[in-house]
Amino acid sequence: SDAERAAVRAIERADGADDDLAAFFA
């Protein structure tokens, strides 16, 4: 959903992800 995608973007912006999220967004 748009909300789930936005939540993952927020985690990425906050540098809260353990891994690079480029593959996820691709």
mmCIF file of all heavy atoms, coordinates in Angstrom:
data_MODEL
# 
_entry.id   MODEL 
# 
loop_
_atom_site.group_PDB 
_atom_site.id 
_atom_site.type_symbol 
_atom_site.label_atom_id 
_atom_site.label_alt_id 
_atom_site.label_comp_id 
_atom_site.label_asym_id 
_atom_site.label_entity_id 
_atom_site.label_seq_id 
_atom_site.pdbx_PDB_ins_code 
_atom_site.Cartn_x 
_atom_site.Cartn_y 
_atom_site.Cartn_z 
_atom_site.occupancy 
_atom_site.B_iso_or_equiv 
_atom_site.pdbx_formal_charge 
_atom_site.auth_seq_id 
_atom_site.auth_comp_id 
_atom_site.auth_asym_id 
_atom_site.auth_atom_id 
_atom_site.pdbx_PDB_model_num 
ATOM 1   N N   . SER A 1 1  ? 0.837  -1.204 0.000  1.00 0.00 ? 1  SER A N   1 
ATOM 2   C CA  . SER A 1 1  ? 0.000  0.000  0.000  1.00 0.00 ? 1  SER A CA  1 
ATOM 3   C C   . SER A 1 1  ? 0.871  1.252  0.000  1.00 0.00 ? 1  SER A C   1 
ATOM 4   O O   . SER A 1 1  ? 2.074  1.200  0.305  1.00 0.00 ? 1  SER A O   1 
ATOM 5   C CB  . SER A 1 1  ? -0.925 0.012  1.215  1.00 0.00 ? 1  SER A CB  1 
ATOM 6   O OG  . SER A 1 1  ? -0.171 0.253  2.396  1.00 0.00 ? 1  SER A OG  1 
ATOM 7   N N   . ASP A 1 2  ? 0.255  2.379  -0.326 1.00 0.00 ? 2  ASP A N   1 
ATOM 8   C CA  . ASP A 1 2  ? 0.977  3.655  -0.278 1.00 0.00 ? 2  ASP A CA  1 
ATOM 9   C C   . ASP A 1 2  ? 1.501  3.930  1.128  1.00 0.00 ? 2  ASP A C   1 
ATOM 10  O O   . ASP A 1 2  ? 2.621  4.420  1.299  1.00 0.00 ? 2  ASP A O   1 
ATOM 11  C CB  . ASP A 1 2  ? 0.060  4.796  -0.715 1.00 0.00 ? 2  ASP A CB  1 
ATOM 12  C CG  . ASP A 1 2  ? -0.295 4.726  -2.196 1.00 0.00 ? 2  ASP A CG  1 
ATOM 13  O OD1 . ASP A 1 2  ? 0.464  4.111  -2.980 1.00 0.00 ? 2  ASP A OD1 1 
ATOM 14  O OD2 . ASP A 1 2  ? -1.342 5.293  -2.570 1.00 0.00 ? 2  ASP A OD2 1 
ATOM 15  N N   . ALA A 1 3  ? 0.704  3.583  2.149  1.00 0.00 ? 3  ALA A N   1 
ATOM 16  C CA  . ALA A 1 3  ? 1.116  3.821  3.541  1.00 0.00 ? 3  ALA A CA  1 
ATOM 17  C C   . ALA A 1 3  ? 2.321  2.961  3.913  1.00 0.00 ? 3  ALA A C   1 
ATOM 18  O O   . ALA A 1 3  ? 3.248  3.438  4.588  1.00 0.00 ? 3  ALA A O   1 
ATOM 19  C CB  . ALA A 1 3  ? -0.048 3.546  4.488  1.00 0.00 ? 3  ALA A CB  1 
ATOM 20  N N   . GLU A 1 4  ? 2.329  1.707  3.463  1.00 0.00 ? 4  GLU A N   1 
ATOM 21  C CA  . GLU A 1 4  ? 3.469  0.829  3.759  1.00 0.00 ? 4  GLU A CA  1 
ATOM 22  C C   . GLU A 1 4  ? 4.728  1.325  3.052  1.00 0.00 ? 4  GLU A C   1 
ATOM 23  O O   . GLU A 1 4  ? 5.816  1.329  3.629  1.00 0.00 ? 4  GLU A O   1 
ATOM 24  C CB  . GLU A 1 4  ? 3.155  -0.606 3.329  1.00 0.00 ? 4  GLU A CB  1 
ATOM 25  C CG  . GLU A 1 4  ? 2.101  -1.257 4.199  1.00 0.00 ? 4  GLU A CG  1 
ATOM 26  C CD  . GLU A 1 4  ? 1.559  -2.538 3.600  1.00 0.00 ? 4  GLU A CD  1 
ATOM 27  O OE1 . GLU A 1 4  ? 1.415  -2.627 2.360  1.00 0.00 ? 4  GLU A OE1 1 
ATOM 28  O OE2 . GLU A 1 4  ? 1.269  -3.460 4.391  1.00 0.00 ? 4  GLU A OE2 1 
ATOM 29  N N   . ARG A 1 5  ? 4.574  1.730  1.802  1.00 0.00 ? 5  ARG A N   1 
ATOM 30  C CA  . ARG A 1 5  ? 5.733  2.249  1.058  1.00 0.00 ? 5  ARG A CA  1 
ATOM 31  C C   . ARG A 1 5  ? 6.283  3.510  1.742  1.00 0.00 ? 5  ARG A C   1 
ATOM 32  O O   . ARG A 1 5  ? 7.498  3.664  1.886  1.00 0.00 ? 5  ARG A O   1 
ATOM 33  C CB  . ARG A 1 5  ? 5.298  2.551  -0.374 1.00 0.00 ? 5  ARG A CB  1 
ATOM 34  C CG  . ARG A 1 5  ? 6.428  2.833  -1.290 1.00 0.00 ? 5  ARG A CG  1 
ATOM 35  C CD  . ARG A 1 5  ? 5.886  3.035  -2.695 1.00 0.00 ? 5  ARG A CD  1 
ATOM 36  N NE  . ARG A 1 5  ? 6.968  2.941  -3.637 1.00 0.00 ? 5  ARG A NE  1 
ATOM 37  C CZ  . ARG A 1 5  ? 6.805  2.861  -4.916 1.00 0.00 ? 5  ARG A CZ  1 
ATOM 38  N NH1 . ARG A 1 5  ? 5.598  2.816  -5.419 1.00 0.00 ? 5  ARG A NH1 1 
ATOM 39  N NH2 . ARG A 1 5  ? 7.832  2.814  -5.721 1.00 0.00 ? 5  ARG A NH2 1 
ATOM 40  N N   . ALA A 1 6  ? 5.382  4.393  2.173  1.00 0.00 ? 6  ALA A N   1 
ATOM 41  C CA  . ALA A 1 6  ? 5.808  5.616  2.864  1.00 0.00 ? 6  ALA A CA  1 
ATOM 42  C C   . ALA A 1 6  ? 6.518  5.286  4.180  1.00 0.00 ? 6  ALA A C   1 
ATOM 43  O O   . ALA A 1 6  ? 7.508  5.941  4.545  1.00 0.00 ? 6  ALA A O   1 
ATOM 44  C CB  . ALA A 1 6  ? 4.608  6.523  3.111  1.00 0.00 ? 6  ALA A CB  1 
ATOM 45  N N   . ALA A 1 7  ? 6.044  4.272  4.888  1.00 0.00 ? 7  ALA A N   1 
ATOM 46  C CA  . ALA A 1 7  ? 6.671  3.881  6.158  1.00 0.00 ? 7  ALA A CA  1 
ATOM 47  C C   . ALA A 1 7  ? 8.095  3.374  5.922  1.00 0.00 ? 7  ALA A C   1 
ATOM 48  O O   . ALA A 1 7  ? 9.012  3.712  6.689  1.00 0.00 ? 7  ALA A O   1 
ATOM 49  C CB  . ALA A 1 7  ? 5.832  2.816  6.859  1.00 0.00 ? 7  ALA A CB  1 
ATOM 50  N N   . VAL A 1 8  ? 8.300  2.611  4.854  1.00 0.00 ? 8  VAL A N   1 
ATOM 51  C CA  . VAL A 1 8  ? 9.652  2.120  4.554  1.00 0.00 ? 8  VAL A CA  1 
ATOM 52  C C   . VAL A 1 8  ? 10.545 3.290  4.143  1.00 0.00 ? 8  VAL A C   1 
ATOM 53  O O   . VAL A 1 8  ? 11.712 3.359  4.536  1.00 0.00 ? 8  VAL A O   1 
ATOM 54  C CB  . VAL A 1 8  ? 9.620  1.017  3.464  1.00 0.00 ? 8  VAL A CB  1 
ATOM 55  C CG1 . VAL A 1 8  ? 11.027 0.606  3.064  1.00 0.00 ? 8  VAL A CG1 1 
ATOM 56  C CG2 . VAL A 1 8  ? 8.839  -0.191 3.964  1.00 0.00 ? 8  VAL A CG2 1 
ATOM 57  N N   . ARG A 1 9  ? 10.009 4.230  3.374  1.00 0.00 ? 9  ARG A N   1 
ATOM 58  C CA  . ARG A 1 9  ? 10.783 5.436  3.006  1.00 0.00 ? 9  ARG A CA  1 
ATOM 59  C C   . ARG A 1 9  ? 11.189 6.206  4.268  1.00 0.00 ? 9  ARG A C   1 
ATOM 60  O O   . ARG A 1 9  ? 12.306 6.702  4.362  1.00 0.00 ? 9  ARG A O   1 
ATOM 61  C CB  . ARG A 1 9  ? 9.966  6.343  2.088  1.00 0.00 ? 9  ARG A CB  1 
ATOM 62  C CG  . ARG A 1 9  ? 9.884  5.888  0.684  1.00 0.00 ? 9  ARG A CG  1 
ATOM 63  C CD  . ARG A 1 9  ? 11.116 6.312  -0.099 1.00 0.00 ? 9  ARG A CD  1 
ATOM 64  N NE  . ARG A 1 9  ? 10.936 5.933  -1.481 1.00 0.00 ? 9  ARG A NE  1 
ATOM 65  C CZ  . ARG A 1 9  ? 11.892 5.507  -2.262 1.00 0.00 ? 9  ARG A CZ  1 
ATOM 66  N NH1 . ARG A 1 9  ? 13.127 5.403  -1.814 1.00 0.00 ? 9  ARG A NH1 1 
ATOM 67  N NH2 . ARG A 1 9  ? 11.659 5.192  -3.501 1.00 0.00 ? 9  ARG A NH2 1 
ATOM 68  N N   . ALA A 1 10 ? 10.287 6.316  5.240  1.00 0.00 ? 10 ALA A N   1 
ATOM 69  C CA  . ALA A 1 10 ? 10.590 7.033  6.483  1.00 0.00 ? 10 ALA A CA  1 
ATOM 70  C C   . ALA A 1 10 ? 11.706 6.332  7.252  1.00 0.00 ? 10 ALA A C   1 
ATOM 71  O O   . ALA A 1 10 ? 12.600 6.988  7.809  1.00 0.00 ? 10 ALA A O   1 
ATOM 72  C CB  . ALA A 1 10 ? 9.329  7.162  7.341  1.00 0.00 ? 10 ALA A CB  1 
ATOM 73  N N   . ILE A 1 11 ? 11.681 5.008  7.281  1.00 0.00 ? 11 ILE A N   1 
ATOM 74  C CA  . ILE A 1 11 ? 12.757 4.250  7.936  1.00 0.00 ? 11 ILE A CA  1 
ATOM 75  C C   . ILE A 1 11 ? 14.072 4.502  7.224  1.00 0.00 ? 11 ILE A C   1 
ATOM 76  O O   . ILE A 1 11 ? 15.111 4.730  7.848  1.00 0.00 ? 11 ILE A O   1 
ATOM 77  C CB  . ILE A 1 11 ? 12.421 2.745  7.958  1.00 0.00 ? 11 ILE A CB  1 
ATOM 78  C CG1 . ILE A 1 11 ? 11.240 2.476  8.886  1.00 0.00 ? 11 ILE A CG1 1 
ATOM 79  C CG2 . ILE A 1 11 ? 13.642 1.911  8.357  1.00 0.00 ? 11 ILE A CG2 1 
ATOM 80  C CD1 . ILE A 1 11 ? 10.649 1.083  8.768  1.00 0.00 ? 11 ILE A CD1 1 
ATOM 81  N N   . GLU A 1 12 ? 14.034 4.518  5.892  1.00 0.00 ? 12 GLU A N   1 
ATOM 82  C CA  . GLU A 1 12 ? 15.247 4.764  5.102  1.00 0.00 ? 12 GLU A CA  1 
ATOM 83  C C   . GLU A 1 12 ? 15.790 6.166  5.377  1.00 0.00 ? 12 GLU A C   1 
ATOM 84  O O   . GLU A 1 12 ? 16.990 6.349  5.596  1.00 0.00 ? 12 GLU A O   1 
ATOM 85  C CB  . GLU A 1 12 ? 14.921 4.597  3.616  1.00 0.00 ? 12 GLU A CB  1 
ATOM 86  C CG  . GLU A 1 12 ? 16.118 4.815  2.709  1.00 0.00 ? 12 GLU A CG  1 
ATOM 87  C CD  . GLU A 1 12 ? 15.738 4.732  1.245  1.00 0.00 ? 12 GLU A CD  1 
ATOM 88  O OE1 . GLU A 1 12 ? 14.742 5.358  0.834  1.00 0.00 ? 12 GLU A OE1 1 
ATOM 89  O OE2 . GLU A 1 12 ? 16.456 4.029  0.525  1.00 0.00 ? 12 GLU A OE2 1 
ATOM 90  N N   . ARG A 1 13 ? 14.910 7.173  5.388  1.00 0.00 ? 13 ARG A N   1 
ATOM 91  C CA  . ARG A 1 13 ? 15.344 8.554  5.642  1.00 0.00 ? 13 ARG A CA  1 
ATOM 92  C C   . ARG A 1 13 ? 15.933 8.710  7.031  1.00 0.00 ? 13 ARG A C   1 
ATOM 93  O O   . ARG A 1 13 ? 16.863 9.482  7.249  1.00 0.00 ? 13 ARG A O   1 
ATOM 94  C CB  . ARG A 1 13 ? 14.166 9.511  5.451  1.00 0.00 ? 13 ARG A CB  1 
ATOM 95  C CG  . ARG A 1 13 ? 13.859 9.821  4.007  1.00 0.00 ? 13 ARG A CG  1 
ATOM 96  C CD  . ARG A 1 13 ? 12.905 11.012 3.873  1.00 0.00 ? 13 ARG A CD  1 
ATOM 97  N NE  . ARG A 1 13 ? 11.630 10.799 4.546  1.00 0.00 ? 13 ARG A NE  1 
ATOM 98  C CZ  . ARG A 1 13 ? 10.584 10.182 4.006  1.00 0.00 ? 13 ARG A CZ  1 
ATOM 99  N NH1 . ARG A 1 13 ? 10.645 9.711  2.796  1.00 0.00 ? 13 ARG A NH1 1 
ATOM 100 N NH2 . ARG A 1 13 ? 9.472  10.041 4.687  1.00 0.00 ? 13 ARG A NH2 1 
ATOM 101 N N   . ALA A 1 14 ? 15.399 7.967  7.986  1.00 0.00 ? 14 ALA A N   1 
ATOM 102 C CA  . ALA A 1 14 ? 15.888 8.058  9.368  1.00 0.00 ? 14 ALA A CA  1 
ATOM 103 C C   . ALA A 1 14 ? 17.138 7.210  9.565  1.00 0.00 ? 14 ALA A C   1 
ATOM 104 O O   . ALA A 1 14 ? 17.671 7.145  10.669 1.00 0.00 ? 14 ALA A O   1 
ATOM 105 C CB  . ALA A 1 14 ? 14.802 7.609  10.335 1.00 0.00 ? 14 ALA A CB  1 
ATOM 106 N N   . ASP A 1 15 ? 17.608 6.570  8.489  1.00 0.00 ? 15 ASP A N   1 
ATOM 107 C CA  . ASP A 1 15 ? 18.777 5.686  8.525  1.00 0.00 ? 15 ASP A CA  1 
ATOM 108 C C   . ASP A 1 15 ? 18.569 4.554  9.531  1.00 0.00 ? 15 ASP A C   1 
ATOM 109 O O   . ASP A 1 15 ? 19.497 4.124  10.211 1.00 0.00 ? 15 ASP A O   1 
ATOM 110 C CB  . ASP A 1 15 ? 20.046 6.487  8.856  1.00 0.00 ? 15 ASP A CB  1 
ATOM 111 C CG  . ASP A 1 15 ? 21.304 5.766  8.393  1.00 0.00 ? 15 ASP A CG  1 
ATOM 112 O OD1 . ASP A 1 15 ? 21.217 4.977  7.425  1.00 0.00 ? 15 ASP A OD1 1 
ATOM 113 O OD2 . ASP A 1 15 ? 22.372 5.984  8.995  1.00 0.00 ? 15 ASP A OD2 1 
ATOM 114 N N   . GLY A 1 16 ? 17.314 4.066  9.594  1.00 0.00 ? 16 GLY A N   1 
ATOM 115 C CA  . GLY A 1 16 ? 16.972 3.012  10.540 1.00 0.00 ? 16 GLY A CA  1 
ATOM 116 C C   . GLY A 1 16 ? 17.004 1.616  9.962  1.00 0.00 ? 16 GLY A C   1 
ATOM 117 O O   . GLY A 1 16 ? 16.693 0.655  10.665 1.00 0.00 ? 16 GLY A O   1 
ATOM 118 N N   . ALA A 1 17 ? 17.366 1.494  8.691  1.00 0.00 ? 17 ALA A N   1 
ATOM 119 C CA  . ALA A 1 17 ? 17.388 0.168  8.064  1.00 0.00 ? 17 ALA A CA  1 
ATOM 120 C C   . ALA A 1 17 ? 18.763 -0.470 8.233  1.00 0.00 ? 17 ALA A C   1 
ATOM 121 O O   . ALA A 1 17 ? 19.784 0.198  8.138  1.00 0.00 ? 17 ALA A O   1 
ATOM 122 C CB  . ALA A 1 17 ? 17.050 0.280  6.582  1.00 0.00 ? 17 ALA A CB  1 
ATOM 123 N N   . ASP A 1 18 ? 18.765 -1.766 8.493  1.00 0.00 ? 18 ASP A N   1 
ATOM 124 C CA  . ASP A 1 18 ? 20.031 -2.492 8.618  1.00 0.00 ? 18 ASP A CA  1 
ATOM 125 C C   . ASP A 1 18 ? 20.681 -2.743 7.260  1.00 0.00 ? 18 ASP A C   1 
ATOM 126 O O   . ASP A 1 18 ? 21.886 -2.927 7.166  1.00 0.00 ? 18 ASP A O   1 
ATOM 127 C CB  . ASP A 1 18 ? 19.810 -3.840 9.316  1.00 0.00 ? 18 ASP A CB  1 
ATOM 128 C CG  . ASP A 1 18 ? 19.407 -3.680 10.769 1.00 0.00 ? 18 ASP A CG  1 
ATOM 129 O OD1 . ASP A 1 18 ? 19.731 -2.629 11.362 1.00 0.00 ? 18 ASP A OD1 1 
ATOM 130 O OD2 . ASP A 1 18 ? 18.779 -4.602 11.315 1.00 0.00 ? 18 ASP A OD2 1 
ATOM 131 N N   . ASP A 1 19 ? 19.867 -2.765 6.209  1.00 0.00 ? 19 ASP A N   1 
ATOM 132 C CA  . ASP A 1 19 ? 20.360 -3.067 4.864  1.00 0.00 ? 19 ASP A CA  1 
ATOM 133 C C   . ASP A 1 19 ? 20.015 -1.935 3.917  1.00 0.00 ? 19 ASP A C   1 
ATOM 134 O O   . ASP A 1 19 ? 19.159 -1.093 4.200  1.00 0.00 ? 19 ASP A O   1 
ATOM 135 C CB  . ASP A 1 19 ? 19.730 -4.359 4.338  1.00 0.00 ? 19 ASP A CB  1 
ATOM 136 C CG  . ASP A 1 19 ? 20.097 -5.575 5.169  1.00 0.00 ? 19 ASP A CG  1 
ATOM 137 O OD1 . ASP A 1 19 ? 21.287 -5.707 5.516  1.00 0.00 ? 19 ASP A OD1 1 
ATOM 138 O OD2 . ASP A 1 19 ? 19.197 -6.366 5.496  1.00 0.00 ? 19 ASP A OD2 1 
ATOM 139 N N   . ASP A 1 20 ? 20.656 -1.936 2.744  1.00 0.00 ? 20 ASP A N   1 
ATOM 140 C CA  . ASP A 1 20 ? 20.346 -0.999 1.681  1.00 0.00 ? 20 ASP A CA  1 
ATOM 141 C C   . ASP A 1 20 ? 18.970 -1.366 1.128  1.00 0.00 ? 20 ASP A C   1 
ATOM 142 O O   . ASP A 1 20 ? 18.706 -2.529 0.801  1.00 0.00 ? 20 ASP A O   1 
ATOM 143 C CB  . ASP A 1 20 ? 21.413 -1.108 0.592  1.00 0.00 ? 20 ASP A CB  1 
ATOM 144 C CG  . ASP A 1 20 ? 21.173 -0.161 -0.554 1.00 0.00 ? 20 ASP A CG  1 
ATOM 145 O OD1 . ASP A 1 20 ? 20.307 0.735  -0.427 1.00 0.00 ? 20 ASP A OD1 1 
ATOM 146 O OD2 . ASP A 1 20 ? 21.848 -0.298 -1.589 1.00 0.00 ? 20 ASP A OD2 1 
ATOM 147 N N   . LEU A 1 21 ? 18.087 -0.410 1.027  1.00 0.00 ? 21 LEU A N   1 
ATOM 148 C CA  . LEU A 1 21 ? 16.715 -0.675 0.599  1.00 0.00 ? 21 LEU A CA  1 
ATOM 149 C C   . LEU A 1 21 ? 16.502 -0.452 -0.899 1.00 0.00 ? 21 LEU A C   1 
ATOM 150 O O   . LEU A 1 21 ? 15.375 -0.558 -1.386 1.00 0.00 ? 21 LEU A O   1 
ATOM 151 C CB  . LEU A 1 21 ? 15.749 0.199  1.396  1.00 0.00 ? 21 LEU A CB  1 
ATOM 152 C CG  . LEU A 1 21 ? 15.706 -0.092 2.897  1.00 0.00 ? 21 LEU A CG  1 
ATOM 153 C CD1 . LEU A 1 21 ? 14.814 0.903  3.617  1.00 0.00 ? 21 LEU A CD1 1 
ATOM 154 C CD2 . LEU A 1 21 ? 15.222 -1.514 3.142  1.00 0.00 ? 21 LEU A CD2 1 
ATOM 155 N N   . ALA A 1 22 ? 17.563 -0.208 -1.655 1.00 0.00 ? 22 ALA A N   1 
ATOM 156 C CA  . ALA A 1 22 ? 17.425 0.050  -3.093 1.00 0.00 ? 22 ALA A CA  1 
ATOM 157 C C   . ALA A 1 22 ? 16.753 -1.117 -3.800 1.00 0.00 ? 22 ALA A C   1 
ATOM 158 O O   . ALA A 1 22 ? 15.871 -0.913 -4.650 1.00 0.00 ? 22 ALA A O   1 
ATOM 159 C CB  . ALA A 1 22 ? 18.783 0.347  -3.710 1.00 0.00 ? 22 ALA A CB  1 
ATOM 160 N N   . ALA A 1 23 ? 17.140 -2.340 -3.479 1.00 0.00 ? 23 ALA A N   1 
ATOM 161 C CA  . ALA A 1 23 ? 16.537 -3.515 -4.132 1.00 0.00 ? 23 ALA A CA  1 
ATOM 162 C C   . ALA A 1 23 ? 15.050 -3.622 -3.791 1.00 0.00 ? 23 ALA A C   1 
ATOM 163 O O   . ALA A 1 23 ? 14.241 -3.991 -4.642 1.00 0.00 ? 23 ALA A O   1 
ATOM 164 C CB  . ALA A 1 23 ? 17.273 -4.786 -3.713 1.00 0.00 ? 23 ALA A CB  1 
ATOM 165 N N   . PHE A 1 24 ? 14.694 -3.289 -2.562 1.00 0.00 ? 24 PHE A N   1 
ATOM 166 C CA  . PHE A 1 24 ? 13.290 -3.308 -2.166 1.00 0.00 ? 24 PHE A CA  1 
ATOM 167 C C   . PHE A 1 24 ? 12.484 -2.345 -3.028 1.00 0.00 ? 24 PHE A C   1 
ATOM 168 O O   . PHE A 1 24 ? 11.450 -2.709 -3.595 1.00 0.00 ? 24 PHE A O   1 
ATOM 169 C CB  . PHE A 1 24 ? 13.135 -2.938 -0.687 1.00 0.00 ? 24 PHE A CB  1 
ATOM 170 C CG  . PHE A 1 24 ? 11.710 -2.705 -0.271 1.00 0.00 ? 24 PHE A CG  1 
ATOM 171 C CD1 . PHE A 1 24 ? 10.888 -3.773 0.036  1.00 0.00 ? 24 PHE A CD1 1 
ATOM 172 C CD2 . PHE A 1 24 ? 11.191 -1.421 -0.207 1.00 0.00 ? 24 PHE A CD2 1 
ATOM 173 C CE1 . PHE A 1 24 ? 9.556  -3.562 0.409  1.00 0.00 ? 24 PHE A CE1 1 
ATOM 174 C CE2 . PHE A 1 24 ? 9.868  -1.202 0.165  1.00 0.00 ? 24 PHE A CE2 1 
ATOM 175 C CZ  . PHE A 1 24 ? 9.056  -2.280 0.473  1.00 0.00 ? 24 PHE A CZ  1 
ATOM 176 N N   . PHE A 1 25 ? 12.963 -1.111 -3.152 1.00 0.00 ? 25 PHE A N   1 
ATOM 177 C CA  . PHE A 1 25 ? 12.220 -0.116 -3.911 1.00 0.00 ? 25 PHE A CA  1 
ATOM 178 C C   . PHE A 1 25 ? 12.243 -0.424 -5.411 1.00 0.00 ? 25 PHE A C   1 
ATOM 179 O O   . PHE A 1 25 ? 11.293 -0.118 -6.118 1.00 0.00 ? 25 PHE A O   1 
ATOM 180 C CB  . PHE A 1 25 ? 12.729 1.292  -3.618 1.00 0.00 ? 25 PHE A CB  1 
ATOM 181 C CG  . PHE A 1 25 ? 12.311 1.772  -2.250 1.00 0.00 ? 25 PHE A CG  1 
ATOM 182 C CD1 . PHE A 1 25 ? 13.242 1.933  -1.246 1.00 0.00 ? 25 PHE A CD1 1 
ATOM 183 C CD2 . PHE A 1 25 ? 10.978 2.031  -1.967 1.00 0.00 ? 25 PHE A CD2 1 
ATOM 184 C CE1 . PHE A 1 25 ? 12.851 2.357  0.020  1.00 0.00 ? 25 PHE A CE1 1 
ATOM 185 C CE2 . PHE A 1 25 ? 10.579 2.445  -0.716 1.00 0.00 ? 25 PHE A CE2 1 
ATOM 186 C CZ  . PHE A 1 25 ? 11.511 2.620  0.279  1.00 0.00 ? 25 PHE A CZ  1 
ATOM 187 N N   . ALA A 1 26 ? 13.298 -1.043 -5.896 1.00 0.00 ? 26 ALA A N   1 
ATOM 188 C CA  . ALA A 1 26 ? 13.363 -1.417 -7.316 1.00 0.00 ? 26 ALA A CA  1 
ATOM 189 C C   . ALA A 1 26 ? 12.270 -2.423 -7.658 1.00 0.00 ? 26 ALA A C   1 
ATOM 190 O O   . ALA A 1 26 ? 11.718 -2.405 -8.765 1.00 0.00 ? 26 ALA A O   1 
ATOM 191 C CB  . ALA A 1 26 ? 14.728 -1.985 -7.655 1.00 0.00 ? 26 ALA A CB  1 
# 
